[in-house]
Amino acid sequence: MTIREAQDTVDEWIKTIGVRYFNELTNMAMLTEEVGEVARIIARRYGEQSEKESDKNKDLGDEMADVLWVLICLANQTGVDLTEAFAKNMAKKTNRDATRHLNNEKLKD
C-alpha cells in the first residue's frame, strides 16, 4: 500500500465507519498518547527499564500502526499530501546531511 492509498483508505473508513474525524486538537492529543505507548514498549523492551508482565504481550507493530493511523488522520484533516511531504523531507535531509553523518566521529565504528 502506498502512502496515498493509506490516506485514501483511512478517509474512506472514517466516512463509512468512523462517522467523522475527531477534531485536530483531539487527534493531536491522541497522537501524543499513541507515541507514548510506543515509547513505553521501547523503553522497557529495548531500554534499561524492566518490562512489566502486563506489557510483555503488547504488539509494538500494532502500536506503531496506531501512531501512523492518527498521523494520517491529521494529514487528511489539514490537507497534507504525505507522499509529497515525505519526498520533500527526504530531499531536504539528503541535501543537508550529504556528508554530515559520514564525518561524525561518534558514528564511526
PDB file of N, CA and C in Angstrom:
ATOM      1  N   MET A   1       0.845  -1.182   0.000  1.00  0.00           N
ATOM      2  CA  MET A   1       0.000   0.000   0.000  1.00  0.00           C
ATOM      3  C   MET A   1       0.892   1.247   0.000  1.00  0.00           C
ATOM      4  N   THR A   2       0.588   2.163  -0.862  1.00  0.00           N
ATOM      5  CA  THR A   2       1.329   3.417  -0.909  1.00  0.00           C
ATOM      6  C   THR A   2       0.829   4.350   0.197  1.00  0.00           C
ATOM      7  N   ILE A   3       1.562   5.408   0.432  1.00  0.00           N
ATOM      8  CA  ILE A   3       1.118   6.396   1.417  1.00  0.00           C
ATOM      9  C   ILE A   3      -0.202   7.016   0.965  1.00  0.00           C
ATOM     10  N   ARG A   4      -0.313   7.334  -0.323  1.00  0.00           N
ATOM     11  CA  ARG A   4      -1.553   7.905  -0.864  1.00  0.00           C
ATOM     12  C   ARG A   4      -2.724   6.946  -0.643  1.00  0.00           C
ATOM     13  N   GLU A   5      -2.487   5.670  -0.920  1.00  0.00           N
ATOM     14  CA  GLU A   5      -3.542   4.678  -0.706  1.00  0.00           C
ATOM     15  C   GLU A   5      -3.923   4.591   0.763  1.00  0.00           C
ATOM     16  N   ALA A   6      -2.943   4.702   1.638  1.00  0.00           N
ATOM     17  CA  ALA A   6      -3.227   4.675   3.080  1.00  0.00           C
ATOM     18  C   ALA A   6      -4.081   5.878   3.465  1.00  0.00           C
ATOM     19  N   GLN A   7      -3.741   7.058   2.942  1.00  0.00           N
ATOM     20  CA  GLN A   7      -4.546   8.242   3.241  1.00  0.00           C
ATOM     21  C   GLN A   7      -5.975   8.062   2.745  1.00  0.00           C
ATOM     22  N   ASP A   8      -6.129   7.526   1.543  1.00  0.00           N
ATOM     23  CA  ASP A   8      -7.468   7.300   0.983  1.00  0.00           C
ATOM     24  C   ASP A   8      -8.235   6.247   1.778  1.00  0.00           C
ATOM     25  N   THR A   9      -7.543   5.195   2.199  1.00  0.00           N
ATOM     26  CA  THR A   9      -8.178   4.117   2.971  1.00  0.00           C
ATOM     27  C   THR A   9      -8.681   4.633   4.311  1.00  0.00           C
ATOM     28  N   VAL A  10      -7.860   5.409   4.992  1.00  0.00           N
ATOM     29  CA  VAL A  10      -8.280   5.988   6.277  1.00  0.00           C
ATOM     30  C   VAL A  10      -9.469   6.915   6.067  1.00  0.00           C
ATOM     31  N   ASP A  11      -9.410   7.750   5.044  1.00  0.00           N
ATOM     32  CA  ASP A  11     -10.506   8.676   4.779  1.00  0.00           C
ATOM     33  C   ASP A  11     -11.814   7.925   4.516  1.00  0.00           C
ATOM     34  N   GLU A  12     -11.737   6.883   3.730  1.00  0.00           N
ATOM     35  CA  GLU A  12     -12.935   6.085   3.427  1.00  0.00           C
ATOM     36  C   GLU A  12     -13.470   5.420   4.696  1.00  0.00           C
ATOM     37  N   TRP A  13     -12.579   4.899   5.535  1.00  0.00           N
ATOM     38  CA  TRP A  13     -13.002   4.263   6.786  1.00  0.00           C
ATOM     39  C   TRP A  13     -13.692   5.275   7.683  1.00  0.00           C
ATOM     40  N   ILE A  14     -13.106   6.442   7.803  1.00  0.00           N
ATOM     41  CA  ILE A  14     -13.696   7.490   8.643  1.00  0.00           C
ATOM     42  C   ILE A  14     -15.095   7.832   8.139  1.00  0.00           C
ATOM     43  N   LYS A  15     -15.252   7.978   6.838  1.00  0.00           N
ATOM     44  CA  LYS A  15     -16.538   8.390   6.258  1.00  0.00           C
ATOM     45  C   LYS A  15     -17.601   7.295   6.340  1.00  0.00           C
ATOM     46  N   THR A  16     -17.188   6.023   6.355  1.00  0.00           N
ATOM     47  CA  THR A  16     -18.180   4.939   6.330  1.00  0.00           C
ATOM     48  C   THR A  16     -18.371   4.264   7.687  1.00  0.00           C
ATOM     49  N   ILE A  17     -17.345   4.220   8.504  1.00  0.00           N
ATOM     50  CA  ILE A  17     -17.425   3.510   9.787  1.00  0.00           C
ATOM     51  C   ILE A  17     -17.228   4.460  10.972  1.00  0.00           C
ATOM     52  N   GLY A  18     -16.321   5.390  10.818  1.00  0.00           N
ATOM     53  CA  GLY A  18     -15.963   6.265  11.926  1.00  0.00           C
ATOM     54  C   GLY A  18     -16.861   7.471  12.107  1.00  0.00           C
ATOM     55  N   VAL A  19     -17.836   7.660  11.263  1.00  0.00           N
ATOM     56  CA  VAL A  19     -18.807   8.758  11.271  1.00  0.00           C
ATOM     57  C   VAL A  19     -18.166  10.076  10.839  1.00  0.00           C
ATOM     58  N   ARG A  20     -17.124  10.529  11.548  1.00  0.00           N
ATOM     59  CA  ARG A  20     -16.417  11.757  11.183  1.00  0.00           C
ATOM     60  C   ARG A  20     -15.064  11.757  11.876  1.00  0.00           C
ATOM     61  N   TYR A  21     -14.191  12.624  11.410  1.00  0.00           N
ATOM     62  CA  TYR A  21     -12.906  12.794  12.070  1.00  0.00           C
ATOM     63  C   TYR A  21     -13.118  13.470  13.418  1.00  0.00           C
ATOM     64  N   PHE A  22     -12.331  13.071  14.421  1.00  0.00           N
ATOM     65  CA  PHE A  22     -12.252  13.871  15.643  1.00  0.00           C
ATOM     66  C   PHE A  22     -11.587  15.180  15.243  1.00  0.00           C
ATOM     67  N   ASN A  23     -11.786  16.239  16.006  1.00  0.00           N
ATOM     68  CA  ASN A  23     -11.163  17.491  15.612  1.00  0.00           C
ATOM     69  C   ASN A  23      -9.636  17.384  15.747  1.00  0.00           C
ATOM     70  N   GLU A  24      -8.960  18.327  15.138  1.00  0.00           N
ATOM     71  CA  GLU A  24      -7.499  18.285  15.049  1.00  0.00           C
ATOM     72  C   GLU A  24      -6.831  18.273  16.428  1.00  0.00           C
ATOM     73  N   LEU A  25      -7.360  19.027  17.364  1.00  0.00           N
ATOM     74  CA  LEU A  25      -6.758  19.043  18.704  1.00  0.00           C
ATOM     75  C   LEU A  25      -6.933  17.704  19.414  1.00  0.00           C
ATOM     76  N   THR A  26      -8.091  17.094  19.246  1.00  0.00           N
ATOM     77  CA  THR A  26      -8.306  15.761  19.826  1.00  0.00           C
ATOM     78  C   THR A  26      -7.343  14.761  19.201  1.00  0.00           C
ATOM     79  N   ASN A  27      -7.208  14.816  17.876  1.00  0.00           N
ATOM     80  CA  ASN A  27      -6.286  13.894  17.207  1.00  0.00           C
ATOM     81  C   ASN A  27      -4.835  14.148  17.607  1.00  0.00           C
ATOM     82  N   MET A  28      -4.477  15.403  17.844  1.00  0.00           N
ATOM     83  CA  MET A  28      -3.114  15.688  18.297  1.00  0.00           C
ATOM     84  C   MET A  28      -2.871  15.067  19.668  1.00  0.00           C
ATOM     85  N   ALA A  29      -3.846  15.176  20.550  1.00  0.00           N
ATOM     86  CA  ALA A  29      -3.732  14.545  21.865  1.00  0.00           C
ATOM     87  C   ALA A  29      -3.645  13.021  21.727  1.00  0.00           C
ATOM     88  N   MET A  30      -4.442  12.473  20.821  1.00  0.00           N
ATOM     89  CA  MET A  30      -4.405  11.020  20.600  1.00  0.00           C
ATOM     90  C   MET A  30      -3.058  10.586  20.030  1.00  0.00           C
ATOM     91  N   LEU A  31      -2.485  11.391  19.134  1.00  0.00           N
ATOM     92  CA  LEU A  31      -1.173  11.075  18.577  1.00  0.00           C
ATOM     93  C   LEU A  31      -0.130  11.033  19.685  1.00  0.00           C
ATOM     94  N   THR A  32      -0.182  12.004  20.572  1.00  0.00           N
ATOM     95  CA  THR A  32       0.750  12.043  21.695  1.00  0.00           C
ATOM     96  C   THR A  32       0.599  10.804  22.570  1.00  0.00           C
ATOM     97  N   GLU A  33      -0.633  10.410  22.826  1.00  0.00           N
ATOM     98  CA  GLU A  33      -0.908   9.216  23.619  1.00  0.00           C
ATOM     99  C   GLU A  33      -0.343   7.966  22.943  1.00  0.00           C
ATOM    100  N   GLU A  34      -0.575   7.841  21.647  1.00  0.00           N
ATOM    101  CA  GLU A  34      -0.094   6.660  20.916  1.00  0.00           C
ATOM    102  C   GLU A  34       1.431   6.607  20.865  1.00  0.00           C
ATOM    103  N   VAL A  35       2.081   7.759  20.672  1.00  0.00           N
ATOM    104  CA  VAL A  35       3.550   7.798  20.683  1.00  0.00           C
ATOM    105  C   VAL A  35       4.055   7.380  22.062  1.00  0.00           C
ATOM    106  N   GLY A  36       3.356   7.793  23.110  1.00  0.00           N
ATOM    107  CA  GLY A  36       3.720   7.390  24.466  1.00  0.00           C
ATOM    108  C   GLY A  36       3.650   5.886  24.656  1.00  0.00           C
ATOM    109  N   GLU A  37       2.667   5.244  24.042  1.00  0.00           N
ATOM    110  CA  GLU A  37       2.551   3.788  24.144  1.00  0.00           C
ATOM    111  C   GLU A  37       3.718   3.099  23.435  1.00  0.00           C
ATOM    112  N   VAL A  38       4.127   3.632  22.293  1.00  0.00           N
ATOM    113  CA  VAL A  38       5.308   3.093  21.599  1.00  0.00           C
ATOM    114  C   VAL A  38       6.545   3.293  22.468  1.00  0.00           C
ATOM    115  N   ALA A  39       6.677   4.480  23.034  1.00  0.00           N
ATOM    116  CA  ALA A  39       7.835   4.784  23.879  1.00  0.00           C
ATOM    117  C   ALA A  39       7.908   3.840  25.080  1.00  0.00           C
ATOM    118  N   ARG A  40       6.778   3.547  25.660  1.00  0.00           N
ATOM    119  CA  ARG A  40       6.739   2.648  26.822  1.00  0.00           C
ATOM    120  C   ARG A  40       7.278   1.261  26.452  1.00  0.00           C
ATOM    121  N   ILE A  41       6.834   0.739  25.329  1.00  0.00           N
ATOM    122  CA  ILE A  41       7.301  -0.582  24.899  1.00  0.00           C
ATOM    123  C   ILE A  41       8.801  -0.550  24.615  1.00  0.00           C
ATOM    124  N   ILE A  42       9.258   0.454  23.877  1.00  0.00           N
ATOM    125  CA  ILE A  42      10.677   0.560  23.523  1.00  0.00           C
ATOM    126  C   ILE A  42      11.536   0.694  24.778  1.00  0.00           C
ATOM    127  N   ALA A  43      11.107   1.559  25.707  1.00  0.00           N
ATOM    128  CA  ALA A  43      11.877   1.785  26.935  1.00  0.00           C
ATOM    129  C   ALA A  43      12.016   0.516  27.758  1.00  0.00           C
ATOM    130  N   ARG A  44      10.974  -0.273  27.779  1.00  0.00           N
ATOM    131  CA  ARG A  44      11.002  -1.477  28.611  1.00  0.00           C
ATOM    132  C   ARG A  44      11.594  -2.688  27.886  1.00  0.00           C
ATOM    133  N   ARG A  45      11.328  -2.799  26.614  1.00  0.00           N
ATOM    134  CA  ARG A  45      11.792  -3.964  25.873  1.00  0.00           C
ATOM    135  C   ARG A  45      13.233  -3.812  25.407  1.00  0.00           C
ATOM    136  N   TYR A  46      13.625  -2.605  25.030  1.00  0.00           N
ATOM    137  CA  TYR A  46      14.956  -2.385  24.465  1.00  0.00           C
ATOM    138  C   TYR A  46      15.821  -1.472  25.318  1.00  0.00           C
ATOM    139  N   GLY A  47      15.215  -0.782  26.264  1.00  0.00           N
ATOM    140  CA  GLY A  47      15.949   0.128  27.129  1.00  0.00           C
ATOM    141  C   GLY A  47      16.305  -0.526  28.448  1.00  0.00           C
ATOM    142  N   GLU A  48      16.576   0.296  29.411  1.00  0.00           N
ATOM    143  CA  GLU A  48      17.071  -0.191  30.701  1.00  0.00           C
ATOM    144  C   GLU A  48      15.972  -0.455  31.715  1.00  0.00           C
ATOM    145  N   GLN A  49      14.749  -0.044  31.431  1.00  0.00           N
ATOM    146  CA  GLN A  49      13.658  -0.321  32.358  1.00  0.00           C
ATOM    147  C   GLN A  49      13.228  -1.771  32.231  1.00  0.00           C
ATOM    148  N   SER A  50      12.760  -2.323  33.336  1.00  0.00           N
ATOM    149  CA  SER A  50      12.260  -3.699  33.276  1.00  0.00           C
ATOM    150  C   SER A  50      10.845  -3.687  32.705  1.00  0.00           C
ATOM    151  N   GLU A  51      10.544  -4.746  31.979  1.00  0.00           N
ATOM    152  CA  GLU A  51       9.234  -4.849  31.337  1.00  0.00           C
ATOM    153  C   GLU A  51       8.250  -5.482  32.308  1.00  0.00           C
ATOM    154  N   LYS A  52       7.137  -4.800  32.523  1.00  0.00           N
ATOM    155  CA  LYS A  52       6.111  -5.342  33.401  1.00  0.00           C
ATOM    156  C   LYS A  52       5.444  -6.523  32.715  1.00  0.00           C
ATOM    157  N   GLU A  53       4.951  -7.436  33.502  1.00  0.00           N
ATOM    158  CA  GLU A  53       4.282  -8.619  32.959  1.00  0.00           C
ATOM    159  C   GLU A  53       3.145  -8.209  32.029  1.00  0.00           C
ATOM    160  N   SER A  54       2.421  -7.155  32.406  1.00  0.00           N
ATOM    161  CA  SER A  54       1.274  -6.707  31.599  1.00  0.00           C
ATOM    162  C   SER A  54       1.696  -6.095  30.262  1.00  0.00           C
ATOM    163  N   ASP A  55       2.969  -5.724  30.121  1.00  0.00           N
ATOM    164  CA  ASP A  55       3.463  -5.130  28.876  1.00  0.00           C
ATOM    165  C   ASP A  55       4.078  -6.150  27.929  1.00  0.00           C
ATOM    166  N   LYS A  56       4.353  -7.343  28.417  1.00  0.00           N
ATOM    167  CA  LYS A  56       5.097  -8.323  27.617  1.00  0.00           C
ATOM    168  C   LYS A  56       4.357  -8.789  26.374  1.00  0.00           C
ATOM    169  N   ASN A  57       3.046  -8.717  26.384  1.00  0.00           N
ATOM    170  CA  ASN A  57       2.263  -9.167  25.226  1.00  0.00           C
ATOM    171  C   ASN A  57       1.859  -8.016  24.308  1.00  0.00           C
ATOM    172  N   LYS A  58       2.319  -6.806  24.602  1.00  0.00           N
ATOM    173  CA  LYS A  58       1.988  -5.653  23.758  1.00  0.00           C
ATOM    174  C   LYS A  58       2.675  -5.815  22.407  1.00  0.00           C
ATOM    175  N   ASP A  59       1.956  -5.492  21.353  1.00  0.00           N
ATOM    176  CA  ASP A  59       2.439  -5.633  19.985  1.00  0.00           C
ATOM    177  C   ASP A  59       2.992  -4.289  19.516  1.00  0.00           C
ATOM    178  N   LEU A  60       4.310  -4.188  19.414  1.00  0.00           N
ATOM    179  CA  LEU A  60       4.954  -2.945  19.009  1.00  0.00           C
ATOM    180  C   LEU A  60       4.472  -2.490  17.633  1.00  0.00           C
ATOM    181  N   GLY A  61       4.345  -3.415  16.709  1.00  0.00           N
ATOM    182  CA  GLY A  61       3.869  -3.074  15.367  1.00  0.00           C
ATOM    183  C   GLY A  61       2.470  -2.490  15.393  1.00  0.00           C
ATOM    184  N   ASP A  62       1.598  -3.050  16.207  1.00  0.00           N
ATOM    185  CA  ASP A  62       0.239  -2.540  16.320  1.00  0.00           C
ATOM    186  C   ASP A  62       0.241  -1.132  16.893  1.00  0.00           C
ATOM    187  N   GLU A  63       1.085  -0.899  17.882  1.00  0.00           N
ATOM    188  CA  GLU A  63       1.163   0.444  18.474  1.00  0.00           C
ATOM    189  C   GLU A  63       1.734   1.453  17.474  1.00  0.00           C
ATOM    190  N   MET A  64       2.714   1.036  16.688  1.00  0.00           N
ATOM    191  CA  MET A  64       3.254   1.919  15.648  1.00  0.00           C
ATOM    192  C   MET A  64       2.191   2.222  14.595  1.00  0.00           C
ATOM    193  N   ALA A  65       1.380   1.220  14.273  1.00  0.00           N
ATOM    194  CA  ALA A  65       0.294   1.423  13.305  1.00  0.00           C
ATOM    195  C   ALA A  65      -0.738   2.412  13.852  1.00  0.00           C
ATOM    196  N   ASP A  66      -0.975   2.388  15.168  1.00  0.00           N
ATOM    197  CA  ASP A  66      -1.869   3.380  15.777  1.00  0.00           C
ATOM    198  C   ASP A  66      -1.322   4.794  15.584  1.00  0.00           C
ATOM    199  N   VAL A  67      -0.007   4.967  15.745  1.00  0.00           N
ATOM    200  CA  VAL A  67       0.633   6.267  15.518  1.00  0.00           C
ATOM    201  C   VAL A  67       0.419   6.694  14.067  1.00  0.00           C
ATOM    202  N   LEU A  68       0.664   5.778  13.145  1.00  0.00           N
ATOM    203  CA  LEU A  68       0.510   6.070  11.722  1.00  0.00           C
ATOM    204  C   LEU A  68      -0.936   6.446  11.389  1.00  0.00           C
ATOM    205  N   TRP A  69      -1.874   5.726  11.952  1.00  0.00           N
ATOM    206  CA  TRP A  69      -3.298   5.985  11.726  1.00  0.00           C
ATOM    207  C   TRP A  69      -3.647   7.426  12.103  1.00  0.00           C
ATOM    208  N   VAL A  70      -3.287   7.827  13.308  1.00  0.00           N
ATOM    209  CA  VAL A  70      -3.652   9.171  13.767  1.00  0.00           C
ATOM    210  C   VAL A  70      -2.901  10.231  12.962  1.00  0.00           C
ATOM    211  N   LEU A  71      -1.656   9.964  12.615  1.00  0.00           N
ATOM    212  CA  LEU A  71      -0.903  10.904  11.787  1.00  0.00           C
ATOM    213  C   LEU A  71      -1.579  11.078  10.426  1.00  0.00           C
ATOM    214  N   ILE A  72      -2.031   9.983   9.855  1.00  0.00           N
ATOM    215  CA  ILE A  72      -2.743  10.055   8.574  1.00  0.00           C
ATOM    216  C   ILE A  72      -4.048  10.831   8.733  1.00  0.00           C
ATOM    217  N   CYS A  73      -4.760  10.617   9.830  1.00  0.00           N
ATOM    218  CA  CYS A  73      -5.976  11.396  10.073  1.00  0.00           C
ATOM    219  C   CYS A  73      -5.661  12.889  10.085  1.00  0.00           C
ATOM    220  N   LEU A  74      -4.618  13.276  10.801  1.00  0.00           N
ATOM    221  CA  LEU A  74      -4.242  14.692  10.868  1.00  0.00           C
ATOM    222  C   LEU A  74      -3.844  15.231   9.499  1.00  0.00           C
ATOM    223  N   ALA A  75      -3.125  14.426   8.728  1.00  0.00           N
ATOM    224  CA  ALA A  75      -2.747  14.852   7.376  1.00  0.00           C
ATOM    225  C   ALA A  75      -3.988  15.070   6.521  1.00  0.00           C
ATOM    226  N   ASN A  76      -4.914  14.139   6.576  1.00  0.00           N
ATOM    227  CA  ASN A  76      -6.149  14.267   5.796  1.00  0.00           C
ATOM    228  C   ASN A  76      -6.934  15.513   6.208  1.00  0.00           C
ATOM    229  N   GLN A  77      -7.027  15.742   7.496  1.00  0.00           N
ATOM    230  CA  GLN A  77      -7.794  16.876   8.001  1.00  0.00           C
ATOM    231  C   GLN A  77      -7.193  18.218   7.618  1.00  0.00           C
ATOM    232  N   THR A  78      -5.878  18.264   7.524  1.00  0.00           N
ATOM    233  CA  THR A  78      -5.197  19.539   7.283  1.00  0.00           C
ATOM    234  C   THR A  78      -4.747  19.705   5.838  1.00  0.00           C
ATOM    235  N   GLY A  79      -5.127  18.754   4.976  1.00  0.00           N
ATOM    236  CA  GLY A  79      -4.820  18.868   3.554  1.00  0.00           C
ATOM    237  C   GLY A  79      -3.371  18.583   3.183  1.00  0.00           C
ATOM    238  N   VAL A  80      -2.690  17.804   4.006  1.00  0.00           N
ATOM    239  CA  VAL A  80      -1.295  17.462   3.725  1.00  0.00           C
ATOM    240  C   VAL A  80      -1.240  16.172   2.916  1.00  0.00           C
ATOM    241  N   ASP A  81      -0.576  16.226   1.772  1.00  0.00           N
ATOM    242  CA  ASP A  81      -0.298  15.038   0.967  1.00  0.00           C
ATOM    243  C   ASP A  81       1.007  14.456   1.510  1.00  0.00           C
ATOM    244  N   LEU A  82       0.899  13.377   2.267  1.00  0.00           N
ATOM    245  CA  LEU A  82       2.082  12.807   2.922  1.00  0.00           C
ATOM    246  C   LEU A  82       3.111  12.272   1.938  1.00  0.00           C
ATOM    247  N   THR A  83       2.694  11.819   0.775  1.00  0.00           N
ATOM    248  CA  THR A  83       3.650  11.362  -0.235  1.00  0.00           C
ATOM    249  C   THR A  83       4.533  12.520  -0.661  1.00  0.00           C
ATOM    250  N   GLU A  84       3.900  13.635  -0.979  1.00  0.00           N
ATOM    251  CA  GLU A  84       4.635  14.823  -1.394  1.00  0.00           C
ATOM    252  C   GLU A  84       5.488  15.372  -0.251  1.00  0.00           C
ATOM    253  N   ALA A  85       4.913  15.435   0.943  1.00  0.00           N
ATOM    254  CA  ALA A  85       5.643  15.966   2.096  1.00  0.00           C
ATOM    255  C   ALA A  85       6.854  15.098   2.427  1.00  0.00           C
ATOM    256  N   PHE A  86       6.688  13.776   2.345  1.00  0.00           N
ATOM    257  CA  PHE A  86       7.799  12.874   2.645  1.00  0.00           C
ATOM    258  C   PHE A  86       8.901  13.002   1.600  1.00  0.00           C
ATOM    259  N   ALA A  87       8.533  13.107   0.338  1.00  0.00           N
ATOM    260  CA  ALA A  87       9.533  13.268  -0.731  1.00  0.00           C
ATOM    261  C   ALA A  87      10.334  14.551  -0.527  1.00  0.00           C
ATOM    262  N   LYS A  88       9.649  15.639  -0.209  1.00  0.00           N
ATOM    263  CA  LYS A  88      10.337  16.909   0.054  1.00  0.00           C
ATOM    264  C   LYS A  88      11.249  16.793   1.267  1.00  0.00           C
ATOM    265  N   ASN A  89      10.769  16.109   2.294  1.00  0.00           N
ATOM    266  CA  ASN A  89      11.550  15.959   3.514  1.00  0.00           C
ATOM    267  C   ASN A  89      12.805  15.129   3.270  1.00  0.00           C
ATOM    268  N   MET A  90      12.675  14.066   2.476  1.00  0.00           N
ATOM    269  CA  MET A  90      13.841  13.236   2.151  1.00  0.00           C
ATOM    270  C   MET A  90      14.869  14.034   1.354  1.00  0.00           C
ATOM    271  N   ALA A  91      14.401  14.847   0.412  1.00  0.00           N
ATOM    272  CA  ALA A  91      15.312  15.682  -0.374  1.00  0.00           C
ATOM    273  C   ALA A  91      16.032  16.671   0.530  1.00  0.00           C
ATOM    274  N   LYS A  92      15.292  17.274   1.464  1.00  0.00           N
ATOM    275  CA  LYS A  92      15.893  18.220   2.405  1.00  0.00           C
ATOM    276  C   LYS A  92      16.979  17.538   3.239  1.00  0.00           C
ATOM    277  N   LYS A  93      16.658  16.374   3.786  1.00  0.00           N
ATOM    278  CA  LYS A  93      17.622  15.642   4.614  1.00  0.00           C
ATOM    279  C   LYS A  93      18.850  15.226   3.798  1.00  0.00           C
ATOM    280  N   THR A  94      18.619  14.763   2.577  1.00  0.00           N
ATOM    281  CA  THR A  94      19.718  14.317   1.725  1.00  0.00           C
ATOM    282  C   THR A  94      20.650  15.476   1.402  1.00  0.00           C
ATOM    283  N   ASN A  95      20.081  16.612   1.083  1.00  0.00           N
ATOM    284  CA  ASN A  95      20.883  17.791   0.773  1.00  0.00           C
ATOM    285  C   ASN A  95      21.631  18.288   2.015  1.00  0.00           C
ATOM    286  N   ARG A  96      20.935  18.411   3.102  1.00  0.00           N
ATOM    287  CA  ARG A  96      21.516  18.946   4.331  1.00  0.00           C
ATOM    288  C   ARG A  96      22.561  18.010   4.932  1.00  0.00           C
ATOM    289  N   ASP A  97      22.313  16.724   4.858  1.00  0.00           N
ATOM    290  CA  ASP A  97      23.149  15.754   5.567  1.00  0.00           C
ATOM    291  C   ASP A  97      24.033  14.921   4.655  1.00  0.00           C
ATOM    292  N   ALA A  98      24.293  15.420   3.444  1.00  0.00           N
ATOM    293  CA  ALA A  98      25.061  14.650   2.455  1.00  0.00           C
ATOM    294  C   ALA A  98      26.368  14.114   3.030  1.00  0.00           C
ATOM    295  N   THR A  99      27.064  14.902   3.827  1.00  0.00           N
ATOM    296  CA  THR A  99      28.327  14.436   4.417  1.00  0.00           C
ATOM    297  C   THR A  99      28.320  14.519   5.937  1.00  0.00           C
ATOM    298  N   ARG A 100      27.293  15.109   6.484  1.00  0.00           N
ATOM    299  CA  ARG A 100      27.247  15.343   7.936  1.00  0.00           C
ATOM    300  C   ARG A 100      27.474  14.068   8.748  1.00  0.00           C
ATOM    301  N   HIS A 101      26.749  13.016   8.439  1.00  0.00           N
ATOM    302  CA  HIS A 101      26.854  11.785   9.222  1.00  0.00           C
ATOM    303  C   HIS A 101      28.136  11.016   8.900  1.00  0.00           C
ATOM    304  N   LEU A 102      28.582  11.114   7.657  1.00  0.00           N
ATOM    305  CA  LEU A 102      29.834  10.455   7.283  1.00  0.00           C
ATOM    306  C   LEU A 102      31.019  11.042   8.056  1.00  0.00           C
ATOM    307  N   ASN A 103      30.928  12.320   8.396  1.00  0.00           N
ATOM    308  CA  ASN A 103      32.011  12.998   9.105  1.00  0.00           C
ATOM    309  C   ASN A 103      31.824  13.029  10.612  1.00  0.00           C
ATOM    310  N   ASN A 104      30.807  12.371  11.110  1.00  0.00           N
ATOM    311  CA  ASN A 104      30.534  12.361  12.548  1.00  0.00           C
ATOM    312  C   ASN A 104      31.351  11.260  13.210  1.00  0.00           C
ATOM    313  N   GLU A 105      32.309  11.639  13.994  1.00  0.00           N
ATOM    314  CA  GLU A 105      33.194  10.686  14.670  1.00  0.00           C
ATOM    315  C   GLU A 105      32.416   9.739  15.593  1.00  0.00           C
ATOM    316  N   LYS A 106      31.314  10.208  16.139  1.00  0.00           N
ATOM    317  CA  LYS A 106      30.522   9.386  17.060  1.00  0.00           C
ATOM    318  C   LYS A 106      29.846   8.218  16.347  1.00  0.00           C
ATOM    319  N   LEU A 107      29.706   8.302  15.032  1.00  0.00           N
ATOM    320  CA  LEU A 107      29.029   7.249  14.286  1.00  0.00           C
ATOM    321  C   LEU A 107      29.992   6.229  13.674  1.00  0.00           C
ATOM    322  N   LYS A 108      31.270   6.502  13.806  1.00  0.00           N
ATOM    323  CA  LYS A 108      32.260   5.576  13.233  1.00  0.00           C
ATOM    324  C   LYS A 108      32.510   4.425  14.180  1.00  0.00           C
ATOM    325  N   ASP A 109      32.771   3.270  13.627  1.00  0.00           N
ATOM    326  CA  ASP A 109      32.994   2.059  14.429  1.00  0.00           C
ATOM    327  C   ASP A 109      34.158   2.163  15.328  1.00  0.00           C
TER     328      ASP A 109
END
